[in-house]
Amino acid sequence: MEKDHLEILLEDINGKFDLVIEGHGALRQRMDRLAEESRERDEHLLFLIQSVNSTLGGKIDAVAADLAAHRRDTEAHGGVYRVKEPEGA
């Protein structure tokens, strides 16, 4: 009787181990999928940041050039217009 009881317990434990192993496999697949999705999002965000950076960089350079030209023009008029620097700058 004890041998039959032990065999039943071992079969039950074996079945539970199989469920745990199956669960780990499913978790591994899900983690791999999430890692891939995260990598794709990161690549997309990097692309967007680089695009915005290059666009803004060009615009900032253009504004700086326009401002410098305007300042030169303003200073060229001598007494009519004056560029006043803020205190502490």
Protein backbone atom coordinates (compact mmCIF):
# COMPACT_ATOMS: atom_id res chain seq x y z
CA MET A 1 0.00 0.00 0.00
CA GLU A 2 2.78 2.43 0.80
CA LYS A 3 4.45 1.81 -2.56
CA ASP A 4 1.22 2.65 -4.39
CA HIS A 5 0.76 5.75 -2.26
CA LEU A 6 4.36 6.85 -2.93
CA GLU A 7 3.92 6.33 -6.68
CA ILE A 8 0.77 8.47 -6.63
CA LEU A 9 2.60 11.22 -4.74
CA LEU A 10 5.55 11.08 -7.15
CA GLU A 11 3.22 11.31 -10.15
CA ASP A 12 1.49 14.29 -8.56
CA ILE A 13 4.83 16.00 -7.83
CA ASN A 14 6.04 15.21 -11.35
CA GLY A 15 2.89 16.79 -12.80
CA LYS A 16 3.42 19.89 -10.68
CA PHE A 17 7.03 20.17 -11.84
CA ASP A 18 5.83 19.93 -15.43
CA LEU A 19 3.40 22.81 -14.77
CA VAL A 20 6.18 24.92 -13.24
CA ILE A 21 8.48 24.23 -16.18
CA GLU A 22 5.69 25.09 -18.63
CA GLY A 23 5.00 28.31 -16.73
CA HIS A 24 8.67 29.27 -16.84
CA GLY A 25 8.72 28.70 -20.60
CA ALA A 26 5.68 30.93 -21.06
CA LEU A 27 7.24 33.63 -18.86
CA ARG A 28 10.49 33.45 -20.81
CA GLN A 29 8.62 33.91 -24.10
CA ARG A 30 6.71 36.88 -22.70
CA MET A 31 9.89 38.46 -21.33
CA ASP A 32 11.63 38.01 -24.68
CA ARG A 33 8.67 39.61 -26.47
CA LEU A 34 8.59 42.54 -24.02
CA ALA A 35 12.35 43.03 -24.37
CA GLU A 36 12.02 43.15 -28.17
CA GLU A 37 9.13 45.63 -27.96
CA SER A 38 11.15 47.78 -25.55
CA ARG A 39 14.17 47.71 -27.87
CA GLU A 40 12.00 48.77 -30.82
CA ARG A 41 10.49 51.64 -28.78
CA ASP A 42 13.94 52.76 -27.66
CA GLU A 43 15.19 52.80 -31.26
CA HIS A 44 12.13 54.78 -32.36
CA LEU A 45 12.56 57.30 -29.52
CA LEU A 46 16.24 57.72 -30.36
CA PHE A 47 15.31 58.39 -33.99
CA LEU A 48 12.72 60.99 -32.91
CA ILE A 49 15.16 62.70 -30.54
CA GLN A 50 17.84 62.85 -33.22
CA SER A 51 15.32 64.25 -35.73
CA VAL A 52 14.12 66.94 -33.33
CA ASN A 53 17.70 67.75 -32.34
CA SER A 54 18.85 68.21 -35.93
CA THR A 55 15.77 70.27 -36.82
CA LEU A 56 16.02 72.51 -33.75
CA GLY A 57 19.78 72.80 -34.07
CA GLY A 58 19.42 74.23 -37.55
CA LYS A 59 16.66 76.60 -36.48
CA ILE A 60 18.59 77.82 -33.45
CA ASP A 61 21.63 78.47 -35.64
CA ALA A 62 19.44 80.44 -38.07
CA VAL A 63 17.91 82.51 -35.26
CA ALA A 64 21.40 83.20 -33.83
CA ALA A 65 22.61 84.34 -37.26
CA ASP A 66 19.55 86.59 -37.71
CA LEU A 67 20.04 88.06 -34.25
CA ALA A 68 23.72 88.71 -34.87
CA ALA A 69 22.90 90.43 -38.17
CA HIS A 70 20.20 92.51 -36.50
CA ARG A 71 22.59 93.52 -33.74
CA ARG A 72 25.28 94.54 -36.22
CA ASP A 73 22.70 96.59 -38.13
CA THR A 74 21.43 98.20 -34.91
CA GLU A 75 24.94 99.06 -33.73
CA ALA A 76 25.80 100.46 -37.16
CA HIS A 77 23.22 103.23 -36.67
CA GLY A 78 25.24 104.70 -33.83
CA GLY A 79 23.25 107.23 -31.85
CA VAL A 80 19.79 106.31 -33.16
CA TYR A 81 19.60 102.83 -31.68
CA ARG A 82 21.52 101.37 -28.78
CA VAL A 83 21.94 97.81 -27.64
CA LYS A 84 21.74 97.73 -23.89
CA GLU A 85 23.14 94.70 -22.14
CA PRO A 86 21.22 93.56 -19.06
CA GLU A 87 23.00 94.20 -15.79
CA GLY A 88 25.04 91.27 -14.54
CA ALA A 89 25.52 89.75 -18.00
